[in-house]
Amino acid sequence: MSLHMKVEHMHKFHQFELPTAIKHGIGAIKHVGEEVKNLGVTKALLVTDPGIYQAGVTAPIEASLKNAGIEVVLFNKVEPNPPVRLIAEGSSLYKSEDCNGLVAVGGGSSMDTAKGIGVEATHDGSVLDYEAADGKKPLENRIPPLTTIPTTAGTGSEVTQWAVITDEEREFKFNTGGPLIAAYLTIIDPELHVSMPPHVTAMTGIDALAHAIECYTMHYAQPVTDAAALLAIEYVGKYIRRAYSDGNDLEARYGMAQAAMLAGLSYGSESAGAAHAMSQTLGGIIPVAHGQAVAAMMGPVMEYNWKGHPAKFARIAKGLGINTFNLTEEEAAKAAVNEVYQLVEDLEVPSLEEQGVSPDMTDRLAKEAMKDPQTIGNPRDLNEEGYKWIYGRCFNQVEKTI
């Protein structure tokens, strides 16, 4: 089939919505005050993490907002893998200060926290009540005007229709979302990305690549998400090593910022696949950095998955700059897998074990990953044994097959 779609998924009723205006350019944050004012915001809750705040990254943004006559209430307590209690604290501040808009500055955790606060500001109860799972309530109201300003080129949360929140009680990360949770506006300024240290550039960049690869090959893929995913893959292939090696390379930073945003769009309104199911369930149990966990898992996941969609994996190889002219489809698909293994090595991503994950956890982690809704989108059928095999490759307990 020319569209490379699996027949059973052609019967699905697909949709693609883009509620977020995307504005970008070098120095783009100088426009933030006027842009947020145009959304009708007069008092904004600025959501960020302590590190970014202390590094002074938010200072020019606060100045621009104040110059436009917008009052700024600061919430700079964001933690990695943001928990339910953090959302509750932020939304209680939002309500008590009578804010009418949100500005998130940072990585995925800051943007997801702001989305969660937006949900609680416009709905009864806790963000927990709106978990994207069977039997839970869907979102009913649009969140208040949210502007996302990413400082990493990774999660794509600036344009996605998801927030990933940690329920500490259950040791489980859940998604809440749909078009009502998306930002109204994102401002992407590569100048904010030059402060990223190399290891953060590496893990967020490979996370963006993982979004693109998983969304391009997942069962829910559709032409518009494929288009975004393929260009994201090309940009990462072209720019990630440069951005990692020279943090001030603005062209590379711009390319990676676009890659992360495009990879975020490639999610559409659906899910990803095994690497995200694994990293989300793992991140609910132990405090790993999401991007770093995904990066360590991506090679093994692709090694497991390529047989599920060889034609698309062959196209990924091309996107990553491999000369596939003399390769068969199967050889090219395997070359894509090996290129990602090579990339993870070149960018010195620590192994799962170095990240503090013990191989003894494999059985539990395989069980948990099966519970994640993203398992369903994976291009190759999965069961617990499949997840155990992938974890076995992550821990080098299983022989490489290609």
Protein backbone atom coordinates (compact mmCIF):
# COMPACT_ATOMS: atom_id res chain seq x y z
CA MET A 1 0.00 0.00 0.00
CA SER A 2 1.37 3.33 -0.99
CA LEU A 3 0.43 4.96 2.32
CA HIS A 4 2.15 2.23 4.35
CA MET A 5 -0.85 1.96 6.62
CA LYS A 6 -1.94 -1.29 8.15
CA VAL A 7 -5.45 -2.07 6.96
CA GLU A 8 -7.03 -2.57 10.38
CA HIS A 9 -5.99 0.95 11.38
CA MET A 10 -7.40 2.54 8.23
CA HIS A 11 -10.85 1.95 9.72
CA LYS A 12 -10.02 4.22 12.64
CA PHE A 13 -11.56 7.69 12.65
CA HIS A 14 -8.42 9.86 12.70
CA GLN A 15 -8.15 13.45 13.75
CA PHE A 16 -5.43 16.09 13.92
CA GLU A 17 -5.98 19.38 15.72
CA LEU A 18 -3.48 22.14 16.32
CA PRO A 19 -4.85 24.57 18.92
CA THR A 20 -1.42 26.17 19.48
CA ALA A 21 -0.02 29.18 17.60
CA ILE A 22 3.70 28.54 16.97
CA LYS A 23 5.93 31.62 16.91
CA HIS A 24 9.70 31.40 16.74
CA GLY A 25 12.95 33.14 15.94
CA ILE A 26 16.28 34.08 17.45
CA GLY A 27 15.50 36.63 20.17
CA ALA A 28 11.76 35.83 19.94
CA ILE A 29 11.17 36.17 23.69
CA LYS A 30 11.32 39.95 23.42
CA HIS A 31 7.79 39.68 21.96
CA VAL A 32 6.39 37.66 24.86
CA GLY A 33 4.75 40.55 26.75
CA GLU A 34 2.74 41.80 23.77
CA GLU A 35 1.84 38.27 22.69
CA VAL A 36 0.55 37.25 26.12
CA LYS A 37 -1.34 40.55 26.42
CA ASN A 38 -3.01 39.78 23.06
CA LEU A 39 -4.40 36.62 24.66
CA GLY A 40 -6.28 38.88 27.12
CA VAL A 41 -4.05 38.03 30.10
CA THR A 42 -3.63 40.73 32.77
CA LYS A 43 -2.19 38.58 35.59
CA ALA A 44 -0.04 35.57 34.74
CA LEU A 45 1.23 32.70 36.84
CA LEU A 46 4.82 32.12 35.71
CA VAL A 47 5.59 28.42 36.09
CA THR A 48 9.24 27.38 36.13
CA ASP A 49 11.80 25.34 38.05
CA PRO A 50 14.24 26.66 40.67
CA GLY A 51 17.34 25.99 38.51
CA ILE A 52 16.09 27.96 35.52
CA TYR A 53 14.86 30.73 37.79
CA GLN A 54 18.19 31.00 39.66
CA ALA A 55 20.12 30.97 36.37
CA GLY A 56 18.24 34.15 35.41
CA VAL A 57 16.56 32.61 32.35
CA THR A 58 13.12 33.93 33.33
CA ALA A 59 14.31 37.51 34.08
CA PRO A 60 13.92 38.89 30.51
CA ILE A 61 10.55 37.13 30.19
CA GLU A 62 9.29 38.67 33.46
CA ALA A 63 10.55 42.08 32.31
CA SER A 64 8.77 41.78 28.96
CA LEU A 65 5.50 40.75 30.65
CA LYS A 66 5.69 43.63 33.15
CA ASN A 67 6.50 46.12 30.36
CA ALA A 68 3.28 45.05 28.66
CA GLY A 69 1.37 45.81 31.87
CA ILE A 70 0.92 42.19 32.93
CA GLU A 71 1.22 41.35 36.63
CA VAL A 72 3.43 38.32 37.27
CA VAL A 73 2.90 35.80 40.08
CA LEU A 74 5.89 33.48 40.42
CA PHE A 75 5.60 29.72 40.93
CA ASN A 76 9.17 28.42 40.69
CA LYS A 77 8.82 25.07 42.48
CA VAL A 78 8.61 22.70 39.51
CA GLU A 79 10.18 19.25 40.08
CA PRO A 80 11.12 16.59 37.54
CA ASN A 81 8.29 14.08 36.91
CA PRO A 82 5.81 16.63 38.39
CA PRO A 83 3.61 15.07 41.10
CA VAL A 84 -0.10 15.63 41.82
CA ARG A 85 0.70 17.61 45.04
CA LEU A 86 2.80 20.13 43.02
CA ILE A 87 -0.13 20.74 40.64
CA ALA A 88 -2.44 21.27 43.63
CA GLU A 89 -0.03 23.79 45.17
CA GLY A 90 0.26 25.69 41.87
CA SER A 91 -3.47 25.76 41.18
CA SER A 92 -4.23 26.96 44.71
CA LEU A 93 -1.79 29.87 44.18
CA TYR A 94 -3.33 30.54 40.73
CA LYS A 95 -6.82 30.80 42.26
CA SER A 96 -5.89 32.73 45.43
CA GLU A 97 -4.01 35.33 43.33
CA ASP A 98 -6.87 35.59 40.79
CA CYS A 99 -4.59 34.91 37.83
CA ASN A 100 -6.12 34.71 34.36
CA GLY A 101 -3.28 33.18 32.36
CA LEU A 102 -0.23 30.93 32.53
CA VAL A 103 3.32 31.25 31.18
CA ALA A 104 5.53 28.14 31.41
CA VAL A 105 9.28 28.51 31.04
CA GLY A 106 11.47 25.41 31.06
CA GLY A 107 11.50 21.81 29.95
CA GLY A 108 8.66 19.32 29.80
CA SER A 109 8.16 19.30 33.57
CA SER A 110 7.41 23.04 33.71
CA MET A 111 5.08 22.90 30.72
CA ASP A 112 3.26 19.80 32.02
CA THR A 113 2.92 21.42 35.47
CA ALA A 114 1.37 24.53 33.90
CA LYS A 115 -1.06 22.36 31.89
CA GLY A 116 -2.03 20.50 35.07
CA ILE A 117 -2.58 23.80 36.92
CA GLY A 118 -4.74 24.92 33.97
CA VAL A 119 -6.88 21.79 34.31
CA GLU A 120 -7.46 22.36 38.04
CA ALA A 121 -8.16 26.07 37.45
CA THR A 122 -11.04 25.25 35.10
CA HIS A 123 -12.40 21.98 36.53
CA ASP A 124 -13.66 20.70 39.88
CA GLY A 125 -11.46 18.35 41.86
CA SER A 126 -7.92 17.20 41.17
CA VAL A 127 -6.04 16.64 37.90
CA LEU A 128 -6.15 12.98 38.99
CA ASP A 129 -9.86 12.87 38.19
CA TYR A 130 -9.04 13.55 34.55
CA GLU A 131 -6.54 10.77 33.93
CA ALA A 132 -6.75 9.64 30.31
CA ALA A 133 -7.92 6.14 31.20
CA ASP A 134 -11.07 4.12 30.85
CA GLY A 135 -13.79 5.22 33.21
CA LYS A 136 -12.27 8.62 34.05
CA LYS A 137 -13.83 11.94 33.08
CA PRO A 138 -12.63 13.67 29.91
CA LEU A 139 -11.70 17.36 30.16
CA GLU A 140 -14.74 19.60 29.71
CA ASN A 141 -13.28 23.12 29.63
CA ARG A 142 -10.44 24.86 27.82
CA ILE A 143 -7.58 25.66 30.19
CA PRO A 144 -6.79 29.38 30.71
CA PRO A 145 -4.53 31.06 28.12
CA LEU A 146 -1.21 29.19 28.40
CA THR A 147 2.00 30.34 26.70
CA THR A 148 4.83 27.80 26.62
CA ILE A 149 8.45 28.89 26.31
CA PRO A 150 10.70 25.81 26.05
CA THR A 151 14.31 26.05 27.26
CA THR A 152 15.18 22.56 26.05
CA ALA A 153 14.73 20.91 22.65
CA GLY A 154 13.11 17.74 23.83
CA THR A 155 9.64 16.91 25.04
CA GLY A 156 7.67 18.94 22.52
CA SER A 157 5.23 19.60 25.38
CA GLU A 158 5.00 23.17 24.05
CA VAL A 159 2.67 21.86 21.31
CA THR A 160 1.43 18.48 22.55
CA GLN A 161 -2.04 17.79 23.85
CA TRP A 162 -0.76 15.88 26.88
CA ALA A 163 0.53 16.48 30.37
CA VAL A 164 2.36 13.67 32.14
CA ILE A 165 1.81 13.77 35.91
CA THR A 166 3.13 11.48 38.65
CA ASP A 167 0.75 9.93 41.16
CA GLU A 168 3.12 9.30 44.07
CA GLU A 169 0.55 7.13 45.90
CA ARG A 170 0.37 4.59 43.06
CA GLU A 171 4.00 5.11 41.96
CA PHE A 172 2.51 5.68 38.50
CA LYS A 173 2.81 8.37 35.82
CA PHE A 174 -0.44 9.13 34.05
CA ASN A 175 -1.48 11.27 31.09
CA THR A 176 -4.21 13.84 31.01
CA GLY A 177 -5.06 15.67 27.84
CA GLY A 178 -6.82 16.31 24.59
CA PRO A 179 -7.10 19.54 22.57
CA LEU A 180 -8.49 21.44 25.61
CA ILE A 181 -5.14 21.16 27.45
CA ALA A 182 -2.91 22.45 24.66
CA ALA A 183 -1.08 25.76 24.95
CA TYR A 184 -2.67 28.73 23.18
CA LEU A 185 0.76 29.93 22.08
CA THR A 186 4.33 28.74 22.08
CA ILE A 187 7.32 31.02 21.63
CA ILE A 188 10.43 29.13 20.58
CA ASP A 189 13.69 31.05 20.98
CA PRO A 190 16.88 29.05 20.38
CA GLU A 191 18.86 31.66 22.36
CA LEU A 192 17.26 30.20 25.50
CA HIS A 193 18.72 26.80 24.61
CA VAL A 194 22.41 27.72 24.60
CA SER A 195 22.58 27.37 28.39
CA MET A 196 21.72 23.64 28.16
CA PRO A 197 24.69 21.54 29.23
CA PRO A 198 25.78 18.77 26.82
CA HIS A 199 24.16 15.90 28.75
CA VAL A 200 20.81 17.75 28.77
CA THR A 201 21.16 18.51 25.04
CA ALA A 202 21.78 14.79 24.48
CA MET A 203 18.92 13.37 26.52
CA THR A 204 16.31 15.93 25.45
CA GLY A 205 17.41 15.66 21.80
CA ILE A 206 17.15 11.87 21.76
CA ASP A 207 13.76 12.14 23.50
CA ALA A 208 12.62 14.32 20.57
CA LEU A 209 14.00 11.73 18.14
CA ALA A 210 12.18 9.00 20.07
CA HIS A 211 8.87 10.89 19.76
CA ALA A 212 9.38 11.19 16.02
CA ILE A 213 10.41 7.56 15.50
CA GLU A 214 7.70 6.13 17.76
CA CYS A 215 4.95 8.33 16.31
CA TYR A 216 6.08 7.66 12.72
CA THR A 217 5.97 3.89 13.23
CA MET A 218 3.02 3.59 15.65
CA HIS A 219 -0.34 2.11 14.63
CA TYR A 220 -2.05 5.51 14.94
CA ALA A 221 0.24 7.25 12.43
CA GLN A 222 -1.47 9.35 9.77
CA PRO A 223 -0.07 11.37 6.87
CA VAL A 224 0.05 14.72 8.68
CA THR A 225 1.89 13.25 11.70
CA ASP A 226 4.22 11.29 9.38
CA ALA A 227 5.21 14.53 7.65
CA ALA A 228 6.08 16.22 10.96
CA ALA A 229 7.90 13.11 12.26
CA LEU A 230 10.06 12.66 9.16
CA LEU A 231 11.33 16.24 9.18
CA ALA A 232 11.99 16.01 12.92
CA ILE A 233 14.11 12.88 12.29
CA GLU A 234 16.06 14.69 9.55
CA TYR A 235 16.72 17.72 11.75
CA VAL A 236 17.92 15.58 14.67
CA GLY A 237 20.18 13.57 12.34
CA LYS A 238 21.66 16.79 10.98
CA TYR A 239 21.96 18.92 14.12
CA ILE A 240 22.10 16.91 17.35
CA ARG A 241 25.83 16.11 17.33
CA ARG A 242 26.60 19.77 16.56
CA ALA A 243 24.37 21.08 19.35
CA TYR A 244 25.94 18.56 21.75
CA SER A 245 29.51 19.48 20.79
CA ASP A 246 29.10 23.27 20.59
CA GLY A 247 26.37 24.63 22.85
CA ASN A 248 26.56 28.09 21.24
CA ASP A 249 25.95 26.83 17.69
CA LEU A 250 22.71 28.78 17.12
CA GLU A 251 21.91 27.13 13.78
CA ALA A 252 22.09 23.71 15.44
CA ARG A 253 20.05 24.96 18.42
CA TYR A 254 17.41 26.35 16.05
CA GLY A 255 17.29 23.06 14.14
CA MET A 256 16.91 21.04 17.33
CA ALA A 257 14.21 23.40 18.67
CA GLN A 258 12.24 22.88 15.46
CA ALA A 259 12.85 19.11 15.63
CA ALA A 260 11.45 18.92 19.17
CA MET A 261 8.38 20.97 18.19
CA LEU A 262 7.74 18.91 15.03
CA ALA A 263 8.17 15.69 16.98
CA GLY A 264 5.63 17.04 19.48
CA LEU A 265 3.20 17.62 16.59
CA SER A 266 3.79 14.07 15.36
CA TYR A 267 1.99 12.84 18.48
CA GLY A 268 -1.22 14.29 17.03
CA SER A 269 -3.86 13.35 19.56
CA GLU A 270 -2.62 9.80 19.99
CA SER A 271 0.11 7.95 21.88
CA ALA A 272 3.64 6.75 21.11
CA GLY A 273 5.01 3.24 21.73
CA ALA A 274 7.13 0.94 23.87
CA ALA A 275 9.96 3.33 24.78
CA HIS A 276 7.50 5.85 26.19
CA ALA A 277 5.40 3.19 27.91
CA MET A 278 8.61 1.90 29.53
CA SER A 279 10.08 5.25 30.55
CA GLN A 280 6.78 6.58 31.92
CA THR A 281 6.11 3.52 34.06
CA LEU A 282 9.75 3.43 35.20
CA GLY A 283 9.66 7.16 36.06
CA GLY A 284 6.67 6.58 38.32
CA ILE A 285 8.68 4.09 40.38
CA ILE A 286 12.16 5.65 40.59
CA PRO A 287 13.17 9.25 39.88
CA VAL A 288 14.94 8.81 36.53
CA ALA A 289 15.18 11.70 34.06
CA HIS A 290 12.59 10.89 31.38
CA GLY A 291 14.70 11.88 28.35
CA GLN A 292 17.74 9.99 29.60
CA ALA A 293 15.70 6.82 30.24
CA VAL A 294 14.10 7.01 26.78
CA ALA A 295 17.52 7.55 25.20
CA ALA A 296 18.93 4.43 26.87
CA MET A 297 15.90 2.36 25.80
CA MET A 298 15.52 3.57 22.22
CA GLY A 299 18.03 1.23 20.52
CA PRO A 300 16.64 -1.93 22.17
CA VAL A 301 13.04 -0.86 21.46
CA MET A 302 13.85 -0.28 17.76
CA GLU A 303 15.71 -3.58 17.61
CA TYR A 304 12.51 -5.27 18.83
CA ASN A 305 10.18 -3.19 16.63
CA TRP A 306 11.76 -2.94 13.17
CA LYS A 307 10.12 -6.13 11.89
CA GLY A 308 6.71 -4.57 12.59
CA HIS A 309 7.26 -1.87 9.94
CA PRO A 310 10.44 -2.49 7.89
CA ALA A 311 9.52 0.06 5.19
CA LYS A 312 9.16 2.87 7.71
CA PHE A 313 12.35 1.87 9.54
CA ALA A 314 14.17 1.97 6.19
CA ARG A 315 12.85 5.50 5.67
CA ILE A 316 14.10 6.47 9.17
CA ALA A 317 17.60 5.38 8.10
CA LYS A 318 17.41 7.81 5.16
CA GLY A 319 16.18 10.56 7.45
CA LEU A 320 19.16 10.01 9.74
CA GLY A 321 21.51 10.49 6.78
CA ILE A 322 22.42 6.87 6.03
CA ASN A 323 23.12 6.15 2.36
CA THR A 324 20.57 3.37 1.74
CA PHE A 325 20.96 3.29 -2.05
CA ASN A 326 22.55 -0.17 -2.20
CA LEU A 327 20.69 -1.64 0.78
CA THR A 328 17.63 -3.85 0.77
CA GLU A 329 14.64 -2.65 2.77
CA GLU A 330 15.55 -5.04 5.59
CA GLU A 331 19.22 -3.95 5.63
CA ALA A 332 18.18 -0.28 5.71
CA ALA A 333 15.72 -0.94 8.56
CA LYS A 334 18.47 -2.59 10.60
CA ALA A 335 20.86 0.26 9.73
CA ALA A 336 18.38 2.72 11.31
CA VAL A 337 18.49 0.73 14.54
CA ASN A 338 22.29 0.63 14.58
CA GLU A 339 22.50 4.36 13.82
CA VAL A 340 20.44 5.11 16.94
CA TYR A 341 22.70 2.82 19.02
CA GLN A 342 25.67 4.77 17.60
CA LEU A 343 24.05 8.14 18.35
CA VAL A 344 23.43 7.17 21.99
CA GLU A 345 27.12 6.18 22.23
CA ASP A 346 28.36 9.37 20.52
CA LEU A 347 26.29 11.48 22.91
CA GLU A 348 27.58 9.54 25.94
CA VAL A 349 24.14 8.67 27.29
CA PRO A 350 24.48 6.66 30.55
CA SER A 351 23.07 3.13 30.52
CA LEU A 352 19.93 2.32 32.49
CA GLU A 353 22.09 0.70 35.16
CA GLU A 354 24.23 3.85 35.40
CA GLN A 355 20.95 5.76 35.84
CA GLY A 356 20.22 3.69 38.94
CA VAL A 357 17.89 1.03 37.50
CA SER A 358 18.62 -2.50 38.69
CA PRO A 359 18.23 -5.49 36.33
CA ASP A 360 16.44 -7.19 39.26
CA MET A 361 13.48 -4.88 38.54
CA THR A 362 12.89 -6.29 35.04
CA ASP A 363 9.88 -8.47 35.89
CA ARG A 364 8.08 -5.66 37.71
CA LEU A 365 8.96 -3.10 35.03
CA ALA A 366 7.70 -5.37 32.23
CA LYS A 367 4.38 -5.82 34.07
CA GLU A 368 4.03 -2.05 34.64
CA ALA A 369 4.85 -1.18 31.01
CA MET A 370 2.00 -3.45 29.85
CA LYS A 371 -0.41 -1.23 31.83
CA ASP A 372 0.62 1.92 29.97
CA PRO A 373 -1.82 2.91 27.19
CA GLN A 374 1.10 3.69 24.85
CA THR A 375 1.79 -0.07 24.57
CA ILE A 376 -1.19 -0.29 22.22
CA GLY A 377 0.39 1.99 19.62
CA ASN A 378 3.62 -0.01 19.34
CA PRO A 379 4.32 -1.25 15.78
CA ARG A 380 5.12 -4.80 16.94
CA ASP A 381 2.76 -6.70 19.22
CA LEU A 382 3.89 -6.62 22.84
CA ASN A 383 3.45 -8.85 25.86
CA GLU A 384 5.36 -9.12 29.13
CA GLU A 385 7.92 -11.43 27.52
CA GLY A 386 8.53 -8.83 24.82
CA TYR A 387 9.15 -6.14 27.41
CA LYS A 388 11.45 -8.47 29.34
CA TRP A 389 13.46 -9.02 26.15
CA ILE A 390 13.78 -5.25 25.58
CA TYR A 391 14.86 -4.69 29.20
CA GLY A 392 17.27 -7.61 28.81
CA ARG A 393 18.88 -5.77 25.88
CA CYS A 394 18.99 -2.53 27.91
CA PHE A 395 20.94 -4.41 30.61
CA ASN A 396 23.04 -6.35 28.06
CA GLN A 397 21.71 -9.66 29.38
CA VAL A 398 20.41 -10.65 25.94
CA GLU A 399 22.48 -10.98 22.75
CA LYS A 400 22.09 -8.30 20.08
CA THR A 401 20.17 -9.70 17.11
CA ILE A 402 21.27 -7.40 14.28
